[in-house]
N, C-alpha and C. Protein backbone atom coordinates (compact mmCIF):
# COMPACT_ATOMS: atom_id res chain seq x y z
N UNK A 1 94.51 115.01 55.68
CA UNK A 1 94.24 114.61 57.04
C UNK A 1 94.98 115.51 58.03
N UNK A 2 96.23 115.80 57.71
CA UNK A 2 97.03 116.64 58.59
C UNK A 2 96.45 118.05 58.66
N UNK A 3 95.96 118.56 57.55
CA UNK A 3 95.36 119.89 57.53
C UNK A 3 94.12 119.95 58.41
N UNK A 4 93.32 118.89 58.37
CA UNK A 4 92.11 118.84 59.19
C UNK A 4 92.47 118.84 60.67
N UNK A 5 93.47 118.05 61.04
CA UNK A 5 93.90 118.02 62.43
C UNK A 5 94.44 119.37 62.88
N UNK A 6 95.20 120.03 62.02
CA UNK A 6 95.72 121.36 62.35
C UNK A 6 94.57 122.36 62.52
N UNK A 7 93.57 122.29 61.67
CA UNK A 7 92.42 123.18 61.76
C UNK A 7 91.66 122.94 63.07
N UNK A 8 91.44 121.68 63.42
CA UNK A 8 90.75 121.36 64.67
C UNK A 8 91.53 121.89 65.87
N UNK A 9 92.83 121.68 65.87
CA UNK A 9 93.67 122.17 66.96
C UNK A 9 93.61 123.69 67.04
N UNK A 10 93.69 124.36 65.91
CA UNK A 10 93.62 125.82 65.87
C UNK A 10 92.29 126.30 66.45
N UNK A 11 91.18 125.69 66.04
CA UNK A 11 89.87 126.10 66.54
C UNK A 11 89.74 125.86 68.03
N UNK A 12 90.29 124.74 68.51
CA UNK A 12 90.22 124.43 69.94
C UNK A 12 90.98 125.47 70.76
N UNK A 13 92.13 125.92 70.26
CA UNK A 13 92.94 126.88 70.99
C UNK A 13 92.39 128.29 70.91
N UNK A 14 91.88 128.68 69.76
CA UNK A 14 91.45 130.06 69.55
C UNK A 14 90.00 130.29 69.98
N UNK A 15 89.11 129.39 69.60
CA UNK A 15 87.69 129.62 69.83
C UNK A 15 87.21 129.07 71.17
N UNK A 16 87.68 127.92 71.59
CA UNK A 16 87.16 127.26 72.79
C UNK A 16 87.22 128.12 74.04
N UNK A 17 88.30 128.87 74.31
CA UNK A 17 88.29 129.69 75.53
C UNK A 17 87.14 130.70 75.57
N UNK A 18 86.70 131.22 74.44
CA UNK A 18 85.61 132.17 74.42
C UNK A 18 84.27 131.50 74.68
N UNK A 19 84.17 130.21 74.46
CA UNK A 19 82.92 129.47 74.64
C UNK A 19 82.71 129.02 76.08
N UNK A 20 83.75 129.07 76.88
CA UNK A 20 83.65 128.57 78.24
C UNK A 20 83.15 129.65 79.18
N UNK A 21 82.44 129.22 80.21
CA UNK A 21 82.00 130.15 81.23
C UNK A 21 83.09 130.32 82.26
N UNK A 22 83.03 131.39 82.99
CA UNK A 22 84.02 131.64 84.03
C UNK A 22 83.83 130.65 85.17
N UNK A 23 84.94 130.23 85.76
CA UNK A 23 84.85 129.34 86.90
C UNK A 23 84.41 130.13 88.11
N UNK A 24 83.62 129.50 88.93
CA UNK A 24 83.16 130.10 90.17
C UNK A 24 83.57 129.20 91.31
N UNK A 25 83.59 129.77 92.52
CA UNK A 25 83.82 128.93 93.68
C UNK A 25 82.71 127.90 93.73
N UNK A 26 82.98 126.77 94.30
CA UNK A 26 81.96 125.74 94.37
C UNK A 26 82.08 124.71 93.28
N UNK A 27 83.21 124.65 92.57
CA UNK A 27 83.35 123.63 91.54
C UNK A 27 84.03 122.38 92.10
N UNK A 28 84.01 122.24 93.43
CA UNK A 28 84.52 121.04 94.07
C UNK A 28 83.41 120.01 94.13
N UNK A 29 83.76 118.78 93.76
CA UNK A 29 82.77 117.69 93.76
C UNK A 29 83.28 116.54 94.60
N UNK A 30 82.37 115.74 95.10
CA UNK A 30 82.69 114.51 95.80
C UNK A 30 82.08 113.38 95.00
N UNK A 31 82.91 112.40 94.64
CA UNK A 31 82.48 111.32 93.76
C UNK A 31 82.87 109.98 94.37
N UNK A 32 81.95 109.04 94.32
CA UNK A 32 82.24 107.65 94.64
C UNK A 32 82.11 106.90 93.32
N UNK A 33 83.08 106.05 93.02
CA UNK A 33 83.03 105.37 91.74
C UNK A 33 84.03 104.24 91.63
N UNK A 34 84.22 103.78 90.39
CA UNK A 34 85.05 102.63 90.08
C UNK A 34 86.14 103.02 89.09
N UNK A 35 87.37 102.63 89.39
CA UNK A 35 88.50 102.90 88.50
C UNK A 35 88.38 102.03 87.26
N UNK A 36 88.57 102.66 86.10
CA UNK A 36 88.45 101.96 84.82
C UNK A 36 89.63 102.33 83.92
N UNK A 37 90.15 101.35 83.20
CA UNK A 37 91.21 101.61 82.23
C UNK A 37 90.60 101.70 80.84
N UNK A 38 90.94 102.76 80.11
CA UNK A 38 90.50 102.95 78.73
C UNK A 38 91.69 102.70 77.82
N UNK A 39 91.48 102.01 76.70
CA UNK A 39 92.55 101.69 75.77
C UNK A 39 92.78 102.78 74.72
N UNK A 40 91.99 103.83 74.75
CA UNK A 40 92.12 104.92 73.78
C UNK A 40 93.44 105.68 73.97
N UNK A 41 93.96 106.21 72.89
CA UNK A 41 95.14 107.09 72.92
C UNK A 41 96.30 106.53 73.75
N UNK A 42 96.57 105.25 73.61
CA UNK A 42 97.69 104.66 74.34
C UNK A 42 97.33 104.15 75.72
N UNK A 43 96.11 104.39 76.15
CA UNK A 43 95.63 103.90 77.44
C UNK A 43 95.74 104.94 78.54
N UNK A 44 94.71 104.98 79.38
CA UNK A 44 94.70 105.88 80.53
C UNK A 44 93.66 105.39 81.53
N UNK A 45 93.76 105.91 82.75
CA UNK A 45 92.86 105.53 83.83
C UNK A 45 91.89 106.67 84.12
N UNK A 46 90.65 106.31 84.40
CA UNK A 46 89.63 107.29 84.75
C UNK A 46 88.72 106.67 85.81
N UNK A 47 87.78 107.45 86.30
CA UNK A 47 86.85 106.97 87.32
C UNK A 47 85.44 107.08 86.79
N UNK A 48 84.73 105.96 86.77
CA UNK A 48 83.31 105.96 86.40
C UNK A 48 82.53 106.14 87.70
N UNK A 49 81.92 107.31 87.83
CA UNK A 49 81.19 107.62 89.05
C UNK A 49 79.88 106.87 89.16
N UNK A 50 79.43 106.68 90.39
CA UNK A 50 78.13 106.05 90.62
C UNK A 50 77.00 106.92 90.08
N UNK A 51 77.31 108.19 89.78
CA UNK A 51 76.32 109.11 89.21
C UNK A 51 76.18 108.92 87.69
N UNK A 52 76.92 107.95 87.12
CA UNK A 52 76.84 107.67 85.68
C UNK A 52 77.79 108.48 84.83
N UNK A 53 78.56 109.38 85.44
CA UNK A 53 79.51 110.22 84.70
C UNK A 53 80.91 109.62 84.81
N UNK A 54 81.74 109.95 83.82
CA UNK A 54 83.14 109.52 83.84
C UNK A 54 84.01 110.73 84.14
N UNK A 55 84.99 110.55 85.00
CA UNK A 55 85.88 111.63 85.43
C UNK A 55 87.30 111.31 85.00
N UNK A 56 87.92 112.25 84.29
CA UNK A 56 89.26 112.09 83.72
C UNK A 56 90.23 112.95 84.53
N UNK A 57 91.03 112.33 85.42
CA UNK A 57 91.95 113.10 86.24
C UNK A 57 93.06 113.76 85.41
N UNK A 58 93.17 115.09 85.53
CA UNK A 58 94.27 115.78 84.84
C UNK A 58 95.57 115.31 85.48
N UNK A 59 96.56 115.04 84.67
CA UNK A 59 97.83 114.53 85.18
C UNK A 59 97.81 113.04 85.46
N UNK A 60 96.67 112.40 85.24
CA UNK A 60 96.56 110.96 85.43
C UNK A 60 96.18 110.57 86.85
N UNK A 61 95.78 109.35 86.99
CA UNK A 61 95.40 108.78 88.28
C UNK A 61 96.67 108.31 88.98
N UNK A 62 96.81 108.61 90.29
CA UNK A 62 98.01 108.16 91.01
C UNK A 62 98.21 106.65 90.85
N UNK A 63 99.45 106.21 90.74
CA UNK A 63 99.80 104.83 90.47
C UNK A 63 99.15 103.84 91.42
N UNK A 64 99.08 104.18 92.69
CA UNK A 64 98.53 103.24 93.67
C UNK A 64 97.02 103.01 93.50
N UNK A 65 96.36 103.80 92.66
CA UNK A 65 94.93 103.64 92.40
C UNK A 65 94.67 103.07 90.99
N UNK A 66 95.70 102.73 90.26
CA UNK A 66 95.53 102.22 88.90
C UNK A 66 95.29 100.71 88.92
N UNK A 67 94.08 100.35 89.35
CA UNK A 67 93.68 98.94 89.42
C UNK A 67 92.24 98.84 88.94
N UNK A 68 92.04 98.09 87.87
CA UNK A 68 90.71 97.92 87.27
C UNK A 68 89.70 97.45 88.32
N UNK A 69 88.57 98.16 88.39
CA UNK A 69 87.50 97.77 89.29
C UNK A 69 87.63 98.26 90.72
N UNK A 70 88.72 98.95 91.03
CA UNK A 70 88.93 99.46 92.39
C UNK A 70 87.87 100.51 92.73
N UNK A 71 87.23 100.37 93.87
CA UNK A 71 86.23 101.34 94.32
C UNK A 71 86.95 102.45 95.08
N UNK A 72 86.62 103.70 94.73
CA UNK A 72 87.27 104.85 95.34
C UNK A 72 86.26 105.95 95.67
N UNK A 73 86.69 106.83 96.53
CA UNK A 73 85.96 108.06 96.81
C UNK A 73 86.97 109.19 96.61
N UNK A 74 86.56 110.21 95.87
CA UNK A 74 87.49 111.32 95.65
C UNK A 74 86.80 112.66 95.83
N UNK A 75 87.60 113.61 96.23
CA UNK A 75 87.20 115.01 96.25
C UNK A 75 88.02 115.64 95.15
N UNK A 76 87.36 116.33 94.24
CA UNK A 76 88.07 116.87 93.08
C UNK A 76 87.49 118.22 92.69
N UNK A 77 88.25 118.93 91.91
CA UNK A 77 87.83 120.22 91.37
C UNK A 77 87.61 120.03 89.87
N UNK A 78 86.43 120.37 89.39
CA UNK A 78 86.19 120.27 87.95
C UNK A 78 87.02 121.32 87.24
N UNK A 79 87.49 121.00 86.05
CA UNK A 79 88.36 121.88 85.28
C UNK A 79 87.78 122.14 83.89
N UNK A 80 86.72 122.94 83.81
CA UNK A 80 86.14 123.24 82.50
C UNK A 80 87.06 124.09 81.62
N UNK A 81 88.14 124.60 82.21
CA UNK A 81 89.09 125.42 81.47
C UNK A 81 90.14 124.57 80.76
N UNK A 82 90.07 123.25 80.91
CA UNK A 82 91.06 122.36 80.31
C UNK A 82 90.43 121.49 79.24
N UNK A 83 91.26 121.02 78.30
CA UNK A 83 90.83 120.08 77.27
C UNK A 83 91.74 118.86 77.34
N UNK A 84 91.27 117.75 76.79
CA UNK A 84 92.03 116.51 76.82
C UNK A 84 91.79 115.73 75.53
N UNK A 85 92.78 114.97 75.12
CA UNK A 85 92.61 114.12 73.94
C UNK A 85 91.77 112.89 74.28
N UNK A 86 91.58 112.61 75.56
CA UNK A 86 90.81 111.43 75.98
C UNK A 86 89.34 111.55 75.63
N UNK A 87 88.75 112.70 75.86
CA UNK A 87 87.35 112.98 75.53
C UNK A 87 86.39 111.90 76.06
N UNK A 88 86.56 111.52 77.33
CA UNK A 88 85.66 110.51 77.90
C UNK A 88 84.73 111.08 78.96
N UNK A 89 85.04 112.26 79.46
CA UNK A 89 84.20 112.81 80.52
C UNK A 89 84.75 114.10 81.06
N UNK A 90 84.31 114.43 82.26
CA UNK A 90 84.69 115.67 82.92
C UNK A 90 86.14 115.60 83.39
N UNK A 91 86.92 116.61 83.05
CA UNK A 91 88.30 116.68 83.51
C UNK A 91 88.29 117.22 84.94
N UNK A 92 89.02 116.53 85.82
CA UNK A 92 89.07 116.93 87.23
C UNK A 92 90.50 116.97 87.72
N UNK A 93 90.69 117.79 88.73
CA UNK A 93 91.97 117.87 89.46
C UNK A 93 91.69 117.23 90.81
N UNK A 94 92.32 116.11 91.09
CA UNK A 94 92.06 115.38 92.33
C UNK A 94 92.68 116.12 93.51
N UNK A 95 91.84 116.40 94.51
CA UNK A 95 92.32 117.01 95.76
C UNK A 95 92.62 115.92 96.79
N UNK A 96 91.73 114.93 96.83
CA UNK A 96 91.88 113.83 97.79
C UNK A 96 91.22 112.59 97.20
N UNK A 97 91.86 111.44 97.39
CA UNK A 97 91.30 110.19 96.89
C UNK A 97 91.62 109.09 97.89
N UNK A 98 90.65 108.17 98.06
CA UNK A 98 90.86 107.06 98.99
C UNK A 98 90.17 105.80 98.48
N UNK A 99 90.72 104.66 98.87
CA UNK A 99 90.11 103.37 98.54
C UNK A 99 88.90 103.15 99.44
N UNK A 100 87.92 102.44 98.90
CA UNK A 100 86.76 102.05 99.72
C UNK A 100 86.86 100.58 100.11
């Protein structure tokens, strides 16, 4: 089991960067959605957008927004250059977030 995990980690670090496209300007998104807590990997907070996608904030969701069912609007930058153990959706860097 440990060997398999090491192999997966190795492939993610070595091969994944070559599979990604270059980031371009314009990767800023505006999302309206609902804060949701996931119990995976010790638990974390993410935003389920009204567009049907889930957004995983890099560095976590600010504490004042960690409330199940809270409606928010955020401006964020997508981060296709990053990976996460959460694997629930698009990783984003929050630029601005507000309660609705």
